[in-house]
Structures are given as structure tokens and as C-alpha cells.
Amino acid sequence: MFRAQPLNTTSGRGQSHSCSLTALSPGSDLACFRMLAGTLLLICVMVLFSADAEDKSRLYRRPSCVGVSATQMCPLNYSPVCGSNGITYPNECSLCVHRLEKNADILIVKDGPC
């Protein structure tokens, strides 16, 4: 089971004291409350950003660029794909050629225009 460990702080008057989650009550020190609330808020924000990044990486897919060269001519079929750079490419081959020309890691966000 998790046990709350005290956090050592120093008040503005140079007095050292400790804070813990179990010690918080309406009469407890405001500095301890602010420190613990700030820490909790920071943890929540970090979890939200990391969850958002994971979701995006699962939605994007890597284009199939096997055997494609930067000087290759692509077929003229129109099957648009939306790149992770916000550009709509006429087909996956065109995206692959652009990746090679710019040396950029562009993923496919979705099939179809952006």
C-alpha cells in the first residue's frame, strides 16, 4: 500500500517543517497545500500529454516505400493520402518520394485529402 511520505519545506521565516497528504486539513499550512496541489496538477498534465502522444502515434501509419527512389516517377493514379506535415499527396508513392527528397519522417495520417 502507498504511504504518504512527508515533504520537507522551509517557511518564509526560515522555520523547517514537513507536509504530508494525511496532515492536510482546513487548519493546515497553506504553503504545504499549495505545494502538494501544484505537484498533483503537474502529474495530471504530464499524464494527459503522454496519453495524447500515444494516441496519435497509433493513428498514423508508415508509408510503404520499399524500392522507391528519390528520382522515381510515380503512377498517375489519384488515391490521395494526408501526410503528418499537413500536405495532401496524390498517392502514397508521391509521399515516399517527398520523404526521400526532404529526408523527413512523414507519416500517413489518413487515406484521403487532409
C-alpha atoms as a PDB file:
ATOM      1  CA  MET A   1       0.000   0.000   0.000  1.00  0.00           C
ATOM      2  CA  PHE A   2       1.157   3.534  -0.706  1.00  0.00           C
ATOM      3  CA  ARG A   3       2.252   5.537   2.314  1.00  0.00           C
ATOM      4  CA  ALA A   4       2.447   9.307   2.099  1.00  0.00           C
ATOM      5  CA  GLN A   5       5.972  10.482   2.833  1.00  0.00           C
ATOM      6  CA  PRO A   6       6.404  13.914   4.409  1.00  0.00           C
ATOM      7  CA  LEU A   7       7.782  16.699   2.218  1.00  0.00           C
ATOM      8  CA  ASN A   8      10.228  18.993   3.978  1.00  0.00           C
ATOM      9  CA  THR A   9       9.701  22.689   3.336  1.00  0.00           C
ATOM     10  CA  THR A  10      11.006  25.935   4.735  1.00  0.00           C
ATOM     11  CA  SER A  11       8.633  28.724   5.602  1.00  0.00           C
ATOM     12  CA  GLY A  12       9.370  32.342   4.782  1.00  0.00           C
ATOM     13  CA  ARG A  13      10.591  32.773   8.363  1.00  0.00           C
ATOM     14  CA  GLY A  14      13.326  30.116   7.999  1.00  0.00           C
ATOM     15  CA  GLN A  15      11.442  27.508  10.034  1.00  0.00           C
ATOM     16  CA  SER A  16      11.629  23.971   8.675  1.00  0.00           C
ATOM     17  CA  HIS A  17       8.537  21.750   8.779  1.00  0.00           C
ATOM     18  CA  SER A  18       7.124  18.805   6.848  1.00  0.00           C
ATOM     19  CA  CYS A  19       3.958  18.279   4.819  1.00  0.00           C
ATOM     20  CA  SER A  20       2.104  15.067   4.077  1.00  0.00           C
ATOM     21  CA  LEU A  21      -1.171  14.163   2.435  1.00  0.00           C
ATOM     22  CA  THR A  22      -2.556  12.913   5.736  1.00  0.00           C
ATOM     23  CA  ALA A  23      -1.634  16.138   7.504  1.00  0.00           C
ATOM     24  CA  LEU A  24      -3.770  18.349   5.258  1.00  0.00           C
ATOM     25  CA  SER A  25      -6.824  19.705   6.976  1.00  0.00           C
ATOM     26  CA  PRO A  26      -8.646  23.030   6.898  1.00  0.00           C
ATOM     27  CA  GLY A  27      -6.247  24.376   9.534  1.00  0.00           C
ATOM     28  CA  SER A  28      -3.044  23.079   7.938  1.00  0.00           C
ATOM     29  CA  ASP A  29      -0.324  25.216   6.451  1.00  0.00           C
ATOM     30  CA  LEU A  30      -1.308  26.894   3.151  1.00  0.00           C
ATOM     31  CA  ALA A  31       2.214  26.514   1.727  1.00  0.00           C
ATOM     32  CA  CYS A  32       2.032  22.731   2.135  1.00  0.00           C
ATOM     33  CA  PHE A  33      -1.352  22.649   0.446  1.00  0.00           C
ATOM     34  CA  ARG A  34      -0.113  24.724  -2.498  1.00  0.00           C
ATOM     35  CA  MET A  35       2.986  22.563  -2.927  1.00  0.00           C
ATOM     36  CA  LEU A  36       1.022  19.316  -2.896  1.00  0.00           C
ATOM     37  CA  ALA A  37      -1.701  20.724  -5.161  1.00  0.00           C
ATOM     38  CA  GLY A  38       0.920  22.006  -7.622  1.00  0.00           C
ATOM     39  CA  THR A  39       2.644  18.616  -7.679  1.00  0.00           C
ATOM     40  CA  LEU A  40      -0.656  16.836  -8.297  1.00  0.00           C
ATOM     41  CA  LEU A  41      -1.545  19.273 -11.091  1.00  0.00           C
ATOM     42  CA  LEU A  42       1.849  18.756 -12.748  1.00  0.00           C
ATOM     43  CA  ILE A  43       1.422  14.970 -12.653  1.00  0.00           C
ATOM     44  CA  CYS A  44      -2.062  15.229 -14.198  1.00  0.00           C
ATOM     45  CA  VAL A  45      -0.807  17.460 -17.036  1.00  0.00           C
ATOM     46  CA  MET A  46       2.089  15.084 -17.765  1.00  0.00           C
ATOM     47  CA  VAL A  47      -0.304  12.112 -17.933  1.00  0.00           C
ATOM     48  CA  LEU A  48      -2.632  13.974 -20.318  1.00  0.00           C
ATOM     49  CA  PHE A  49       0.194  14.942 -22.694  1.00  0.00           C
ATOM     50  CA  SER A  50       1.721  11.469 -22.729  1.00  0.00           C
ATOM     51  CA  ALA A  51      -1.688   9.860 -23.390  1.00  0.00           C
ATOM     52  CA  ASP A  52      -2.312  12.294 -26.259  1.00  0.00           C
ATOM     53  CA  ALA A  53       1.049  11.488 -27.856  1.00  0.00           C
ATOM     54  CA  GLU A  54       0.416   7.751 -27.645  1.00  0.00           C
ATOM     55  CA  ASP A  55      -2.998   8.056 -29.267  1.00  0.00           C
ATOM     56  CA  LYS A  56      -1.612   9.971 -32.259  1.00  0.00           C
ATOM     57  CA  SER A  57       1.210   7.522 -32.883  1.00  0.00           C
ATOM     58  CA  ARG A  58      -1.280   4.644 -33.102  1.00  0.00           C
ATOM     59  CA  LEU A  59      -3.426   6.517 -35.634  1.00  0.00           C
ATOM     60  CA  TYR A  60      -0.619   7.333 -38.072  1.00  0.00           C
ATOM     61  CA  ARG A  61       0.862   4.700 -40.348  1.00  0.00           C
ATOM     62  CA  ARG A  62       4.220   4.471 -42.034  1.00  0.00           C
ATOM     63  CA  PRO A  63       4.019   4.556 -45.856  1.00  0.00           C
ATOM     64  CA  SER A  64       5.214   1.564 -47.838  1.00  0.00           C
ATOM     65  CA  CYS A  65       8.313   2.991 -49.530  1.00  0.00           C
ATOM     66  CA  VAL A  66      10.124  -0.259 -50.322  1.00  0.00           C
ATOM     67  CA  GLY A  67      12.030   0.086 -53.596  1.00  0.00           C
ATOM     68  CA  VAL A  68      11.139   3.773 -54.073  1.00  0.00           C
ATOM     69  CA  SER A  69      13.941   6.183 -55.020  1.00  0.00           C
ATOM     70  CA  ALA A  70      14.039   9.982 -54.957  1.00  0.00           C
ATOM     71  CA  THR A  71      14.257  10.115 -58.761  1.00  0.00           C
ATOM     72  CA  GLN A  72      11.410   7.665 -59.348  1.00  0.00           C
ATOM     73  CA  MET A  73       8.352   8.574 -61.379  1.00  0.00           C
ATOM     74  CA  CYS A  74       5.124   7.711 -59.563  1.00  0.00           C
ATOM     75  CA  PRO A  75       1.975   6.354 -61.203  1.00  0.00           C
ATOM     76  CA  LEU A  76      -0.639   8.932 -62.130  1.00  0.00           C
ATOM     77  CA  ASN A  77      -3.465   7.253 -60.192  1.00  0.00           C
ATOM     78  CA  TYR A  78      -5.222   9.645 -57.823  1.00  0.00           C
ATOM     79  CA  SER A  79      -5.514   7.989 -54.435  1.00  0.00           C
ATOM     80  CA  PRO A  80      -4.834  10.892 -52.052  1.00  0.00           C
ATOM     81  CA  VAL A  81      -3.188  10.471 -48.649  1.00  0.00           C
ATOM     82  CA  CYS A  82      -2.818  13.067 -45.905  1.00  0.00           C
ATOM     83  CA  GLY A  83       0.736  13.423 -44.597  1.00  0.00           C
ATOM     84  CA  SER A  84       1.602  14.215 -40.982  1.00  0.00           C
ATOM     85  CA  ASN A  85       3.037  17.514 -42.289  1.00  0.00           C
ATOM     86  CA  GLY A  86      -0.482  18.636 -43.346  1.00  0.00           C
ATOM     87  CA  ILE A  87       0.109  18.193 -47.095  1.00  0.00           C
ATOM     88  CA  THR A  88      -2.194  16.108 -49.282  1.00  0.00           C
ATOM     89  CA  TYR A  89      -0.224  13.871 -51.668  1.00  0.00           C
ATOM     90  CA  PRO A  90      -1.789  12.457 -54.856  1.00  0.00           C
ATOM     91  CA  ASN A  91      -0.784   8.925 -53.792  1.00  0.00           C
ATOM     92  CA  GLU A  92       1.460   7.048 -51.373  1.00  0.00           C
ATOM     93  CA  CYS A  93       4.312   6.895 -53.893  1.00  0.00           C
ATOM     94  CA  SER A  94       4.399  10.715 -54.096  1.00  0.00           C
ATOM     95  CA  LEU A  95       4.617  10.920 -50.318  1.00  0.00           C
ATOM     96  CA  CYS A  96       7.509   8.425 -50.355  1.00  0.00           C
ATOM     97  CA  VAL A  97       9.428  10.419 -52.969  1.00  0.00           C
ATOM     98  CA  HIS A  98       8.905  13.619 -50.947  1.00  0.00           C
ATOM     99  CA  ARG A  99      10.149  11.830 -47.790  1.00  0.00           C
ATOM    100  CA  LEU A 100      13.329  10.806 -49.600  1.00  0.00           C
ATOM    101  CA  GLU A 101      13.910  14.242 -51.185  1.00  0.00           C
ATOM    102  CA  LYS A 102      13.493  16.114 -47.885  1.00  0.00           C
ATOM    103  CA  ASN A 103      14.879  13.352 -45.640  1.00  0.00           C
ATOM    104  CA  ALA A 104      11.801  13.807 -43.431  1.00  0.00           C
ATOM    105  CA  ASP A 105       9.852  11.252 -41.419  1.00  0.00           C
ATOM    106  CA  ILE A 106       6.373  11.950 -42.803  1.00  0.00           C
ATOM    107  CA  LEU A 107       3.640   9.511 -41.794  1.00  0.00           C
ATOM    108  CA  ILE A 108       0.201   8.954 -43.287  1.00  0.00           C
ATOM    109  CA  VAL A 109      -2.459  10.493 -41.057  1.00  0.00           C
ATOM    110  CA  LYS A 110      -5.353   9.178 -43.138  1.00  0.00           C
ATOM    111  CA  ASP A 111      -6.339   7.985 -46.581  1.00  0.00           C
ATOM    112  CA  GLY A 112      -7.919  10.850 -48.476  1.00  0.00           C
ATOM    113  CA  PRO A 113      -7.197  14.587 -48.553  1.00  0.00           C
ATOM    114  CA  CYS A 114      -6.192  16.479 -45.393  1.00  0.00           C
END
